[in-house]
N, C-alpha and C. Protein backbone atom coordinates (compact mmCIF):
# COMPACT_ATOMS: atom_id res chain seq x y z
N MET A 1 -0.06 -4.03 25.38
CA MET A 1 0.32 -4.38 26.73
C MET A 1 -0.73 -5.29 27.34
N ARG A 2 -1.99 -4.96 27.04
CA ARG A 2 -3.15 -5.75 27.64
C ARG A 2 -3.08 -7.18 27.11
N GLU A 3 -2.69 -7.31 25.80
CA GLU A 3 -2.63 -8.59 25.18
C GLU A 3 -1.48 -9.43 25.89
N ALA A 4 -0.47 -8.83 26.23
CA ALA A 4 0.69 -9.43 26.81
C ALA A 4 0.37 -9.90 28.19
N VAL A 5 -0.29 -8.97 28.90
CA VAL A 5 -0.63 -9.32 30.30
C VAL A 5 -1.72 -10.46 30.30
N GLU A 6 -2.74 -10.41 29.46
CA GLU A 6 -3.76 -11.47 29.50
C GLU A 6 -3.28 -12.79 28.93
N GLY A 7 -2.44 -12.73 27.97
CA GLY A 7 -1.76 -13.92 27.40
C GLY A 7 -0.91 -14.57 28.50
N ALA A 8 -0.13 -13.72 29.39
CA ALA A 8 0.66 -14.34 30.44
C ALA A 8 -0.19 -15.00 31.43
N ILE A 9 -1.29 -14.44 31.73
CA ILE A 9 -2.21 -15.02 32.78
C ILE A 9 -2.69 -16.40 32.26
N GLN A 10 -3.12 -16.34 30.97
CA GLN A 10 -3.66 -17.56 30.33
C GLN A 10 -2.64 -18.69 30.33
N ALA A 11 -1.32 -18.32 30.12
CA ALA A 11 -0.37 -19.34 30.02
C ALA A 11 0.25 -19.68 31.41
N GLY A 12 -0.17 -19.09 32.55
CA GLY A 12 0.28 -19.40 33.88
C GLY A 12 1.59 -18.80 34.27
N VAL A 13 1.96 -17.79 33.47
CA VAL A 13 3.19 -16.95 33.82
C VAL A 13 3.09 -16.27 35.15
N ARG A 14 4.06 -16.35 35.95
CA ARG A 14 3.99 -15.67 37.26
C ARG A 14 4.72 -14.24 37.34
N VAL A 15 5.59 -14.01 36.50
CA VAL A 15 6.28 -12.71 36.41
C VAL A 15 6.42 -12.43 34.97
N LEU A 16 5.95 -11.16 34.55
CA LEU A 16 6.13 -10.60 33.23
C LEU A 16 6.75 -9.23 33.35
N THR A 17 7.81 -9.03 32.64
CA THR A 17 8.55 -7.76 32.61
C THR A 17 8.51 -7.19 31.27
N LEU A 18 8.09 -5.85 31.28
CA LEU A 18 8.00 -5.10 30.01
C LEU A 18 8.96 -3.89 30.09
N TYR A 19 9.72 -3.61 28.95
CA TYR A 19 10.56 -2.49 28.85
C TYR A 19 9.67 -1.33 28.34
N ALA A 20 9.28 -0.47 29.13
CA ALA A 20 8.25 0.54 28.83
C ALA A 20 8.93 1.81 28.28
N PHE A 21 10.08 2.19 29.00
CA PHE A 21 10.77 3.41 28.66
C PHE A 21 12.11 3.41 29.11
N SER A 22 13.07 3.43 28.19
CA SER A 22 14.48 3.32 28.56
C SER A 22 15.09 4.72 29.02
N GLN A 23 16.22 4.71 29.65
CA GLN A 23 16.84 5.96 29.94
C GLN A 23 17.30 6.68 28.69
N GLU A 24 17.66 5.92 27.72
CA GLU A 24 18.18 6.43 26.48
C GLU A 24 16.97 7.18 25.68
N ASN A 25 15.67 6.80 26.08
CA ASN A 25 14.48 7.40 25.48
C ASN A 25 14.47 8.88 25.82
N TRP A 26 15.09 9.35 27.06
CA TRP A 26 15.05 10.74 27.34
C TRP A 26 15.66 11.59 26.25
N ASN A 27 16.54 11.02 25.45
CA ASN A 27 17.31 11.77 24.43
C ASN A 27 16.43 11.98 23.12
N ARG A 28 15.29 11.47 23.04
CA ARG A 28 14.40 11.72 21.89
C ARG A 28 13.93 13.19 21.99
N PRO A 29 13.33 13.71 20.87
CA PRO A 29 12.76 15.02 20.80
C PRO A 29 11.81 15.26 21.93
N ALA A 30 11.92 16.47 22.54
CA ALA A 30 11.10 16.75 23.68
C ALA A 30 9.54 16.58 23.51
N ALA A 31 9.11 16.89 22.37
CA ALA A 31 7.63 16.63 22.03
C ALA A 31 7.24 15.08 21.95
N GLU A 32 8.21 14.32 21.54
CA GLU A 32 7.96 12.85 21.56
C GLU A 32 7.99 12.23 22.99
N VAL A 33 8.90 12.81 23.75
CA VAL A 33 9.02 12.32 25.10
C VAL A 33 7.71 12.76 25.90
N ALA A 34 7.27 13.91 25.68
CA ALA A 34 6.05 14.39 26.39
C ALA A 34 4.88 13.55 25.97
N ALA A 35 4.77 13.30 24.75
CA ALA A 35 3.74 12.29 24.21
C ALA A 35 3.78 10.94 24.91
N LEU A 36 5.00 10.47 24.94
CA LEU A 36 5.09 9.12 25.60
C LEU A 36 4.77 9.22 27.12
N MET A 37 5.10 10.36 27.76
CA MET A 37 4.81 10.44 29.18
C MET A 37 3.33 10.43 29.37
N ARG A 38 2.59 11.24 28.45
CA ARG A 38 1.13 11.29 28.45
C ARG A 38 0.55 9.93 28.30
N LEU A 39 1.08 9.27 27.33
CA LEU A 39 0.54 7.81 27.07
C LEU A 39 0.69 6.96 28.25
N LEU A 40 1.95 7.06 28.88
CA LEU A 40 2.26 6.20 30.08
C LEU A 40 1.30 6.48 31.20
N GLN A 41 1.05 7.75 31.50
CA GLN A 41 0.15 8.14 32.57
C GLN A 41 -1.30 7.71 32.17
N ARG A 42 -1.75 7.88 30.96
CA ARG A 42 -3.13 7.45 30.65
C ARG A 42 -3.29 5.91 30.76
N TYR A 43 -2.25 5.23 30.43
CA TYR A 43 -2.30 3.66 30.52
C TYR A 43 -2.45 3.33 31.92
N LEU A 44 -1.59 3.91 32.75
CA LEU A 44 -1.54 3.46 34.19
C LEU A 44 -2.88 3.82 34.91
N VAL A 45 -3.46 4.94 34.55
CA VAL A 45 -4.71 5.36 35.13
C VAL A 45 -5.85 4.46 34.63
N LYS A 46 -5.85 4.21 33.27
CA LYS A 46 -7.04 3.52 32.69
C LYS A 46 -6.99 2.08 33.10
N GLU A 47 -5.83 1.43 33.17
CA GLU A 47 -5.77 0.04 33.35
C GLU A 47 -5.70 -0.34 34.83
N ARG A 48 -5.66 0.59 35.69
CA ARG A 48 -5.40 0.26 37.16
C ARG A 48 -6.49 -0.64 37.73
N GLU A 49 -7.62 -0.32 37.56
CA GLU A 49 -8.72 -1.17 38.21
C GLU A 49 -8.87 -2.53 37.54
N GLU A 50 -8.61 -2.61 36.17
CA GLU A 50 -8.69 -3.81 35.42
C GLU A 50 -7.49 -4.77 35.93
N LEU A 51 -6.37 -4.27 36.06
CA LEU A 51 -5.24 -4.99 36.59
C LEU A 51 -5.48 -5.56 37.89
N GLN A 52 -6.06 -4.67 38.76
CA GLN A 52 -6.25 -5.08 40.07
C GLN A 52 -7.25 -6.24 40.21
N SER A 53 -8.32 -6.09 39.29
CA SER A 53 -9.47 -7.08 39.27
C SER A 53 -8.92 -8.42 38.78
N GLN A 54 -7.86 -8.45 37.90
CA GLN A 54 -7.28 -9.68 37.41
C GLN A 54 -6.22 -10.18 38.26
N GLY A 55 -5.96 -9.60 39.45
CA GLY A 55 -4.90 -10.11 40.31
C GLY A 55 -3.56 -9.73 40.01
N VAL A 56 -3.37 -8.73 39.17
CA VAL A 56 -2.03 -8.34 38.77
C VAL A 56 -1.37 -7.30 39.63
N ARG A 57 -0.24 -7.73 40.14
CA ARG A 57 0.61 -6.71 40.98
C ARG A 57 1.52 -5.99 40.11
N VAL A 58 1.45 -4.69 40.08
CA VAL A 58 2.33 -3.89 39.27
C VAL A 58 3.51 -3.35 40.12
N ARG A 59 4.69 -3.52 39.62
CA ARG A 59 5.91 -2.88 40.25
C ARG A 59 6.61 -2.10 39.07
N VAL A 60 7.14 -1.00 39.45
CA VAL A 60 7.78 -0.20 38.48
C VAL A 60 9.29 -0.04 38.86
N PHE A 61 10.25 -0.26 38.01
CA PHE A 61 11.59 -0.30 38.25
C PHE A 61 12.28 0.73 37.44
N GLY A 62 13.26 1.55 37.85
CA GLY A 62 13.99 2.50 37.11
C GLY A 62 14.15 3.74 37.87
N GLN A 63 14.64 4.78 37.25
CA GLN A 63 14.86 6.03 37.87
C GLN A 63 13.59 6.90 37.76
N THR A 64 12.55 6.55 38.48
CA THR A 64 11.18 7.17 38.39
C THR A 64 11.28 8.62 38.89
N ASP A 65 12.32 8.96 39.65
CA ASP A 65 12.33 10.34 40.06
C ASP A 65 12.47 11.41 38.88
N MET A 66 12.96 10.84 37.68
CA MET A 66 13.10 11.65 36.57
C MET A 66 11.69 11.90 35.75
N LEU A 67 10.68 11.15 36.19
CA LEU A 67 9.44 11.22 35.53
C LEU A 67 8.74 12.60 35.90
N PRO A 68 7.97 13.13 34.98
CA PRO A 68 7.11 14.37 35.37
C PRO A 68 6.20 14.04 36.57
N PRO A 69 5.69 14.98 37.22
CA PRO A 69 4.74 14.82 38.33
C PRO A 69 3.59 13.83 38.06
N GLY A 70 2.92 14.09 37.00
CA GLY A 70 1.68 13.24 36.61
C GLY A 70 1.94 11.78 36.50
N PRO A 71 2.88 11.36 35.68
CA PRO A 71 3.23 9.98 35.49
C PRO A 71 3.79 9.47 36.76
N ARG A 72 4.51 10.21 37.60
CA ARG A 72 5.14 9.73 38.97
C ARG A 72 4.02 9.36 39.81
N ARG A 73 3.02 10.27 39.91
CA ARG A 73 1.86 9.98 40.75
C ARG A 73 1.13 8.69 40.29
N ALA A 74 0.97 8.59 39.04
CA ALA A 74 0.31 7.37 38.50
C ALA A 74 1.00 6.15 38.82
N VAL A 75 2.43 6.13 38.75
CA VAL A 75 3.20 5.07 39.12
C VAL A 75 2.96 4.66 40.51
N ALA A 76 3.03 5.64 41.45
CA ALA A 76 2.86 5.39 42.82
C ALA A 76 1.51 4.76 43.14
N GLU A 77 0.47 5.30 42.41
CA GLU A 77 -0.93 4.86 42.76
C GLU A 77 -1.19 3.53 42.28
N ILE A 78 -0.66 3.00 41.11
CA ILE A 78 -0.87 1.77 40.62
C ILE A 78 -0.18 0.74 41.39
N GLN A 79 0.97 1.00 41.93
CA GLN A 79 1.66 0.15 42.84
C GLN A 79 0.96 0.02 44.09
N ARG A 80 0.44 1.09 44.65
CA ARG A 80 -0.27 1.03 45.91
C ARG A 80 -1.52 0.19 45.84
N VAL A 81 -2.31 0.39 44.70
CA VAL A 81 -3.60 -0.25 44.47
C VAL A 81 -3.42 -1.82 44.27
N THR A 82 -2.35 -2.10 43.63
CA THR A 82 -2.29 -3.62 43.26
C THR A 82 -1.25 -4.34 44.22
N ALA A 83 -0.86 -3.77 45.21
CA ALA A 83 0.24 -4.26 46.01
C ALA A 83 -0.20 -5.62 46.63
N ASP A 84 -1.43 -5.97 46.90
CA ASP A 84 -1.83 -7.18 47.51
C ASP A 84 -2.22 -8.35 46.46
N CYS A 85 -2.11 -7.96 45.16
CA CYS A 85 -2.42 -8.90 44.07
C CYS A 85 -1.35 -9.95 44.02
N ASP A 86 -1.75 -11.23 43.58
CA ASP A 86 -0.64 -12.26 43.54
C ASP A 86 -0.88 -13.25 42.43
N ARG A 87 -1.77 -12.92 41.46
CA ARG A 87 -1.88 -13.93 40.37
C ARG A 87 -0.73 -13.77 39.33
N LEU A 88 -0.30 -12.45 39.06
CA LEU A 88 0.82 -12.29 38.08
C LEU A 88 1.55 -10.94 38.59
N GLN A 89 2.75 -10.96 38.62
CA GLN A 89 3.61 -9.69 38.86
C GLN A 89 3.98 -9.16 37.52
N LEU A 90 3.55 -7.93 37.34
CA LEU A 90 3.91 -7.22 36.14
C LEU A 90 4.82 -6.10 36.33
N ASN A 91 6.17 -6.32 35.96
CA ASN A 91 7.20 -5.34 36.31
C ASN A 91 7.28 -4.48 34.99
N LEU A 92 7.23 -3.12 35.33
CA LEU A 92 7.34 -2.17 34.22
C LEU A 92 8.68 -1.46 34.36
N MET A 93 9.49 -1.57 33.39
CA MET A 93 10.79 -0.83 33.43
C MET A 93 10.67 0.47 32.71
N ILE A 94 10.72 1.52 33.64
CA ILE A 94 10.52 2.92 33.11
C ILE A 94 11.58 3.78 33.57
N SER A 95 12.15 4.52 32.71
CA SER A 95 13.44 5.26 32.95
C SER A 95 14.41 4.37 33.42
N TYR A 96 14.51 3.21 32.64
CA TYR A 96 15.46 2.15 33.10
C TYR A 96 16.55 1.92 32.10
N GLY A 97 17.71 1.67 32.68
CA GLY A 97 18.91 1.32 31.87
C GLY A 97 19.68 0.30 32.75
N SER A 98 20.11 -0.83 32.13
CA SER A 98 20.69 -1.89 32.92
C SER A 98 22.07 -1.55 33.45
N ARG A 99 22.78 -0.83 32.58
CA ARG A 99 24.21 -0.30 33.03
C ARG A 99 24.07 0.52 34.22
N ALA A 100 23.13 1.49 34.20
CA ALA A 100 22.88 2.35 35.31
C ALA A 100 22.42 1.53 36.60
N GLU A 101 21.60 0.56 36.36
CA GLU A 101 21.14 -0.34 37.46
C GLU A 101 22.41 -1.06 38.10
N ILE A 102 23.38 -1.54 37.24
CA ILE A 102 24.54 -2.16 37.77
C ILE A 102 25.47 -1.14 38.45
N VAL A 103 25.64 -0.08 37.97
CA VAL A 103 26.44 0.96 38.61
C VAL A 103 25.86 1.31 39.98
N ARG A 104 24.46 1.48 40.10
CA ARG A 104 23.84 1.74 41.29
C ARG A 104 24.02 0.58 42.27
N ALA A 105 23.96 -0.59 41.79
CA ALA A 105 24.23 -1.74 42.75
C ALA A 105 25.65 -1.70 43.31
N ALA A 106 26.68 -1.38 42.45
CA ALA A 106 28.00 -1.26 42.92
C ALA A 106 28.23 -0.17 43.86
N GLN A 107 27.53 0.90 43.69
CA GLN A 107 27.61 2.08 44.53
C GLN A 107 27.08 1.74 45.95
N ARG A 108 25.94 0.97 45.96
CA ARG A 108 25.27 0.60 47.22
C ARG A 108 26.14 -0.36 47.93
N LEU A 109 26.81 -1.30 47.21
CA LEU A 109 27.76 -2.21 47.94
C LEU A 109 28.96 -1.45 48.39
N ALA A 110 29.52 -0.55 47.63
CA ALA A 110 30.61 0.25 48.02
C ALA A 110 30.37 1.06 49.41
N ALA A 111 29.05 1.62 49.43
CA ALA A 111 28.64 2.24 50.67
C ALA A 111 28.66 1.32 51.82
N ARG A 112 28.19 0.14 51.61
CA ARG A 112 28.21 -0.82 52.71
C ARG A 112 29.63 -1.14 53.19
N VAL A 113 30.64 -1.31 52.22
CA VAL A 113 31.98 -1.49 52.57
C VAL A 113 32.53 -0.41 53.31
N GLN A 114 32.17 0.88 52.94
CA GLN A 114 32.69 2.13 53.50
C GLN A 114 32.14 2.17 54.99
N ARG A 115 30.97 1.74 55.18
CA ARG A 115 30.38 1.74 56.62
C ARG A 115 30.94 0.50 57.46
N GLY A 116 31.72 -0.25 56.84
CA GLY A 116 32.27 -1.45 57.61
C GLY A 116 31.25 -2.56 57.78
N GLU A 117 30.20 -2.64 56.99
CA GLU A 117 29.24 -3.65 57.05
C GLU A 117 29.64 -4.90 56.23
N LEU A 118 30.64 -4.72 55.35
CA LEU A 118 30.89 -5.73 54.35
C LEU A 118 32.31 -5.69 54.05
N SER A 119 33.02 -6.84 53.84
CA SER A 119 34.39 -6.83 53.32
C SER A 119 34.42 -7.05 51.82
N PRO A 120 35.16 -6.25 51.10
CA PRO A 120 35.23 -6.45 49.71
C PRO A 120 35.44 -7.90 49.19
N ASP A 121 36.29 -8.60 49.94
CA ASP A 121 36.55 -9.97 49.58
C ASP A 121 35.39 -10.88 49.86
N ALA A 122 34.41 -10.50 50.62
CA ALA A 122 33.34 -11.27 50.94
C ALA A 122 32.07 -11.08 50.05
N ILE A 123 32.20 -10.08 49.03
CA ILE A 123 30.94 -9.88 48.28
C ILE A 123 30.73 -10.97 47.31
N THR A 124 29.52 -11.49 47.37
CA THR A 124 29.16 -12.52 46.43
C THR A 124 28.07 -12.12 45.43
N GLU A 125 27.84 -13.02 44.43
CA GLU A 125 26.91 -12.68 43.43
C GLU A 125 25.41 -12.45 44.11
N ALA A 126 25.17 -13.17 45.14
CA ALA A 126 23.91 -12.97 45.94
C ALA A 126 23.84 -11.52 46.52
N ASP A 127 25.07 -11.06 47.00
CA ASP A 127 25.07 -9.82 47.56
C ASP A 127 24.72 -8.71 46.57
N PHE A 128 25.35 -8.92 45.31
CA PHE A 128 25.17 -8.02 44.19
C PHE A 128 23.67 -8.05 43.74
N GLU A 129 23.14 -9.23 43.69
CA GLU A 129 21.77 -9.38 43.17
C GLU A 129 20.72 -8.59 44.19
N ARG A 130 21.10 -8.60 45.40
CA ARG A 130 20.20 -7.93 46.35
C ARG A 130 20.17 -6.45 46.28
N GLU A 131 21.13 -5.90 45.50
CA GLU A 131 21.14 -4.48 45.34
C GLU A 131 20.59 -4.06 43.99
N LEU A 132 20.28 -5.04 43.14
CA LEU A 132 19.54 -4.78 41.88
C LEU A 132 18.01 -4.40 42.19
N TYR A 133 17.44 -3.66 41.19
CA TYR A 133 16.00 -3.33 41.22
C TYR A 133 15.12 -4.56 41.47
N THR A 134 15.67 -5.65 40.84
CA THR A 134 14.82 -6.90 40.70
C THR A 134 15.23 -7.94 41.93
N ALA A 135 15.71 -7.36 42.97
CA ALA A 135 16.04 -8.31 44.15
C ALA A 135 14.90 -9.08 44.59
N GLY A 136 15.17 -10.34 44.76
CA GLY A 136 14.06 -11.26 45.24
C GLY A 136 13.23 -11.83 44.15
N LEU A 137 13.49 -11.42 42.83
CA LEU A 137 12.75 -11.97 41.78
C LEU A 137 13.66 -13.06 40.99
N PRO A 138 13.00 -14.04 40.44
CA PRO A 138 13.88 -15.03 39.60
C PRO A 138 14.36 -14.33 38.32
N ASP A 139 15.56 -14.83 37.90
CA ASP A 139 15.95 -14.33 36.56
C ASP A 139 14.97 -14.69 35.50
N PRO A 140 14.85 -13.97 34.47
CA PRO A 140 13.90 -14.41 33.41
C PRO A 140 14.28 -15.67 32.73
N ASP A 141 13.23 -16.48 32.42
CA ASP A 141 13.45 -17.77 31.63
C ASP A 141 13.51 -17.38 30.10
N LEU A 142 12.69 -16.44 29.67
CA LEU A 142 12.59 -16.11 28.31
C LEU A 142 12.56 -14.70 28.04
N LEU A 143 13.29 -14.18 26.97
CA LEU A 143 13.19 -12.77 26.61
C LEU A 143 12.66 -12.87 25.05
N ILE A 144 11.55 -12.11 24.94
CA ILE A 144 10.90 -11.95 23.65
C ILE A 144 11.35 -10.63 23.05
N ARG A 145 11.93 -10.67 21.91
CA ARG A 145 12.39 -9.40 21.27
C ARG A 145 11.64 -9.23 19.95
N THR A 146 10.87 -8.12 20.06
CA THR A 146 10.03 -7.86 18.95
C THR A 146 10.66 -7.07 17.83
N SER A 147 9.98 -6.85 16.73
CA SER A 147 10.55 -6.10 15.57
C SER A 147 11.69 -6.70 14.85
N GLY A 148 12.00 -7.92 15.15
CA GLY A 148 13.08 -8.64 14.53
C GLY A 148 14.48 -8.10 14.95
N GLU A 149 14.55 -7.30 15.92
CA GLU A 149 15.85 -6.71 16.35
C GLU A 149 16.57 -7.79 17.07
N GLN A 150 17.92 -7.81 16.80
CA GLN A 150 18.73 -8.90 17.36
C GLN A 150 19.77 -8.26 18.39
N ARG A 151 19.25 -7.46 19.31
CA ARG A 151 20.00 -6.83 20.34
C ARG A 151 19.16 -6.81 21.61
N ILE A 152 19.79 -6.68 22.79
CA ILE A 152 19.04 -6.60 24.02
C ILE A 152 18.92 -5.11 24.61
N SER A 153 19.56 -4.19 23.90
CA SER A 153 19.24 -2.77 24.21
C SER A 153 19.37 -2.39 25.71
N ASN A 154 20.43 -2.70 26.41
CA ASN A 154 20.68 -2.29 27.66
C ASN A 154 19.55 -2.72 28.67
N PHE A 155 19.10 -3.98 28.50
CA PHE A 155 17.95 -4.48 29.19
C PHE A 155 18.43 -5.65 30.15
N MET A 156 18.34 -5.47 31.43
CA MET A 156 18.58 -6.54 32.39
C MET A 156 19.85 -7.37 32.06
N LEU A 157 20.90 -6.65 31.81
CA LEU A 157 22.17 -7.39 31.41
C LEU A 157 22.59 -8.51 32.35
N TRP A 158 22.54 -8.15 33.70
CA TRP A 158 22.92 -9.25 34.73
C TRP A 158 22.00 -10.29 34.75
N GLN A 159 20.61 -9.99 34.79
CA GLN A 159 19.62 -10.96 34.96
C GLN A 159 19.47 -11.86 33.69
N LEU A 160 19.95 -11.50 32.61
CA LEU A 160 19.68 -12.33 31.27
C LEU A 160 20.82 -13.27 31.05
N ALA A 161 21.77 -13.52 31.90
CA ALA A 161 22.83 -14.34 31.71
C ALA A 161 22.59 -15.68 31.07
N TYR A 162 21.51 -16.37 31.58
CA TYR A 162 21.08 -17.61 30.95
C TYR A 162 19.67 -17.69 30.44
N THR A 163 19.14 -16.58 30.01
CA THR A 163 17.84 -16.45 29.58
C THR A 163 17.72 -16.86 28.05
N GLU A 164 16.69 -17.61 27.80
CA GLU A 164 16.48 -18.05 26.39
C GLU A 164 15.99 -16.86 25.66
N LEU A 165 16.39 -16.69 24.35
CA LEU A 165 15.93 -15.64 23.51
C LEU A 165 14.94 -16.16 22.43
N TYR A 166 13.99 -15.29 22.14
CA TYR A 166 12.97 -15.62 21.02
C TYR A 166 12.74 -14.26 20.35
N ILE A 167 13.22 -14.26 19.02
CA ILE A 167 13.08 -13.08 18.18
C ILE A 167 11.98 -13.19 17.28
N THR A 168 11.00 -12.31 17.29
CA THR A 168 9.95 -12.29 16.42
C THR A 168 9.91 -10.95 15.47
N PRO A 169 9.44 -11.08 14.27
CA PRO A 169 9.45 -9.90 13.40
C PRO A 169 8.29 -9.10 13.66
N VAL A 170 7.32 -9.47 14.62
CA VAL A 170 6.18 -8.67 14.94
C VAL A 170 6.57 -7.51 15.56
N LEU A 171 5.94 -6.32 15.23
CA LEU A 171 6.23 -5.11 15.88
C LEU A 171 5.42 -5.02 17.19
N TRP A 172 5.89 -4.29 18.16
CA TRP A 172 5.27 -4.27 19.57
C TRP A 172 3.84 -3.80 19.46
N PRO A 173 3.48 -2.84 18.61
CA PRO A 173 2.07 -2.40 18.58
C PRO A 173 1.16 -3.56 18.05
N ASP A 174 1.74 -4.44 17.24
CA ASP A 174 0.91 -5.53 16.85
C ASP A 174 1.07 -6.79 17.60
N PHE A 175 1.78 -6.73 18.74
CA PHE A 175 2.02 -7.93 19.54
C PHE A 175 0.59 -8.45 20.11
N SER A 176 0.52 -9.85 20.12
CA SER A 176 -0.69 -10.30 20.51
C SER A 176 -0.50 -11.50 21.51
N ARG A 177 -1.47 -12.04 22.22
CA ARG A 177 -1.26 -13.16 23.07
C ARG A 177 -0.94 -14.35 22.22
N ASP A 178 -1.27 -14.43 20.96
CA ASP A 178 -0.88 -15.53 20.12
C ASP A 178 0.58 -15.66 19.90
N VAL A 179 1.19 -14.50 19.74
CA VAL A 179 2.65 -14.38 19.55
C VAL A 179 3.32 -14.73 20.94
N LEU A 180 2.77 -14.34 22.03
CA LEU A 180 3.25 -14.75 23.38
C LEU A 180 3.29 -16.16 23.54
N LEU A 181 2.09 -16.75 23.21
CA LEU A 181 1.89 -18.26 23.43
C LEU A 181 2.84 -19.05 22.48
N GLU A 182 3.04 -18.57 21.25
CA GLU A 182 4.02 -19.18 20.34
C GLU A 182 5.44 -19.21 20.96
N ALA A 183 5.78 -18.05 21.50
CA ALA A 183 7.09 -17.96 22.04
C ALA A 183 7.27 -18.89 23.25
N ILE A 184 6.26 -19.04 24.07
CA ILE A 184 6.29 -19.81 25.28
C ILE A 184 6.26 -21.31 24.82
N ASP A 185 5.50 -21.56 23.70
CA ASP A 185 5.61 -23.06 23.25
C ASP A 185 6.99 -23.35 22.81
N ASP A 186 7.64 -22.48 22.03
CA ASP A 186 8.90 -22.60 21.48
C ASP A 186 9.90 -22.85 22.65
N TYR A 187 9.74 -22.05 23.68
CA TYR A 187 10.68 -22.13 24.80
C TYR A 187 10.58 -23.54 25.56
N HIS A 188 9.39 -24.05 25.52
CA HIS A 188 9.20 -25.35 26.20
C HIS A 188 9.84 -26.50 25.45
N LYS A 189 10.14 -26.26 24.17
CA LYS A 189 10.82 -27.29 23.43
C LYS A 189 12.37 -27.31 23.51
N ARG A 190 12.90 -26.33 24.25
CA ARG A 190 14.33 -26.17 24.35
C ARG A 190 14.86 -26.89 25.60
N GLU A 191 16.10 -27.26 25.48
CA GLU A 191 16.75 -27.82 26.66
C GLU A 191 17.77 -26.76 27.34
N ARG A 192 17.48 -26.43 28.50
CA ARG A 192 18.21 -25.53 29.24
C ARG A 192 19.35 -26.15 29.92
N ARG A 193 20.60 -25.90 29.84
CA ARG A 193 21.69 -26.57 30.50
C ARG A 193 22.45 -25.68 31.41
N PHE A 194 22.27 -24.34 31.41
CA PHE A 194 23.01 -23.39 32.32
C PHE A 194 24.48 -23.72 32.34
N GLY A 195 25.11 -24.02 31.13
CA GLY A 195 26.56 -24.29 31.05
C GLY A 195 27.01 -25.67 31.30
N ARG A 196 25.99 -26.59 31.76
CA ARG A 196 26.25 -27.97 32.10
C ARG A 196 26.16 -28.75 30.76
N VAL A 197 26.68 -29.97 30.85
CA VAL A 197 26.62 -30.88 29.62
C VAL A 197 25.45 -31.82 29.92
N THR A 198 24.67 -32.12 28.98
CA THR A 198 23.63 -33.08 29.07
C THR A 198 24.17 -34.53 29.32
N VAL A 199 23.62 -35.15 30.26
CA VAL A 199 24.07 -36.51 30.58
C VAL A 199 22.93 -37.48 30.00
N ILE A 200 23.46 -38.41 29.13
CA ILE A 200 22.53 -39.35 28.53
C ILE A 200 22.67 -40.73 29.20
C-alpha cells in the first residue's frame, strides 16, 4: 500500500482509491476476518503520521459500522488527523460493495421523493451521483487489476462506466510503484473517446 501511495504522489496522481476489504470478505472464515481486521487497524495506526506528513488525506468509504471497535476507531482517527491534507486523496474502500452502494443511493433518493423534496421524473444522473459514497469526486480514469484477474469484483460499478482497465499479473503483495508507473504510462498512450467518434 505504501508503494502505491508513494508511486501515486511521484506520478502526480490526485486521487487514489484502494479496495481494502469488500462486503463479501465478511463471509470468509472468522479467524481470517479477525486477522484482516487486526492488519487493517495496525496499518491505519502505523501509517497515520507518515501519511499526514506526506500530505495524504485519507477517506474511508463503505459500511464501516460493521467494523469491530478497534478498526472503527482507527478509521475515525486517521480521517480526522489527515482531514486538512491536500497533496493526494487516498480513498480506502472498507466493508464496501458497489451494489450495496447503489441500493443505498436509491434508498436515499426514494426518501427524498417521499418527503416531497424531489419528483421521480426529475431525478438525474447528477442527483444519483450525489448520493454515492464518492459524491464530489471525479470518476476514476484508470483501474489497475492485479493478480491477472479479469473481473471488477463489485467495485465502483457506477463510477467505472468509462474507466480504462489495466490488468497486471503482479499479485497485490508484490505490487510496486514501478508497476503503478507502467500502468500510468500505458494509460497515457490510450485515446479516450467516452463513446464519441474520433474526428480526423
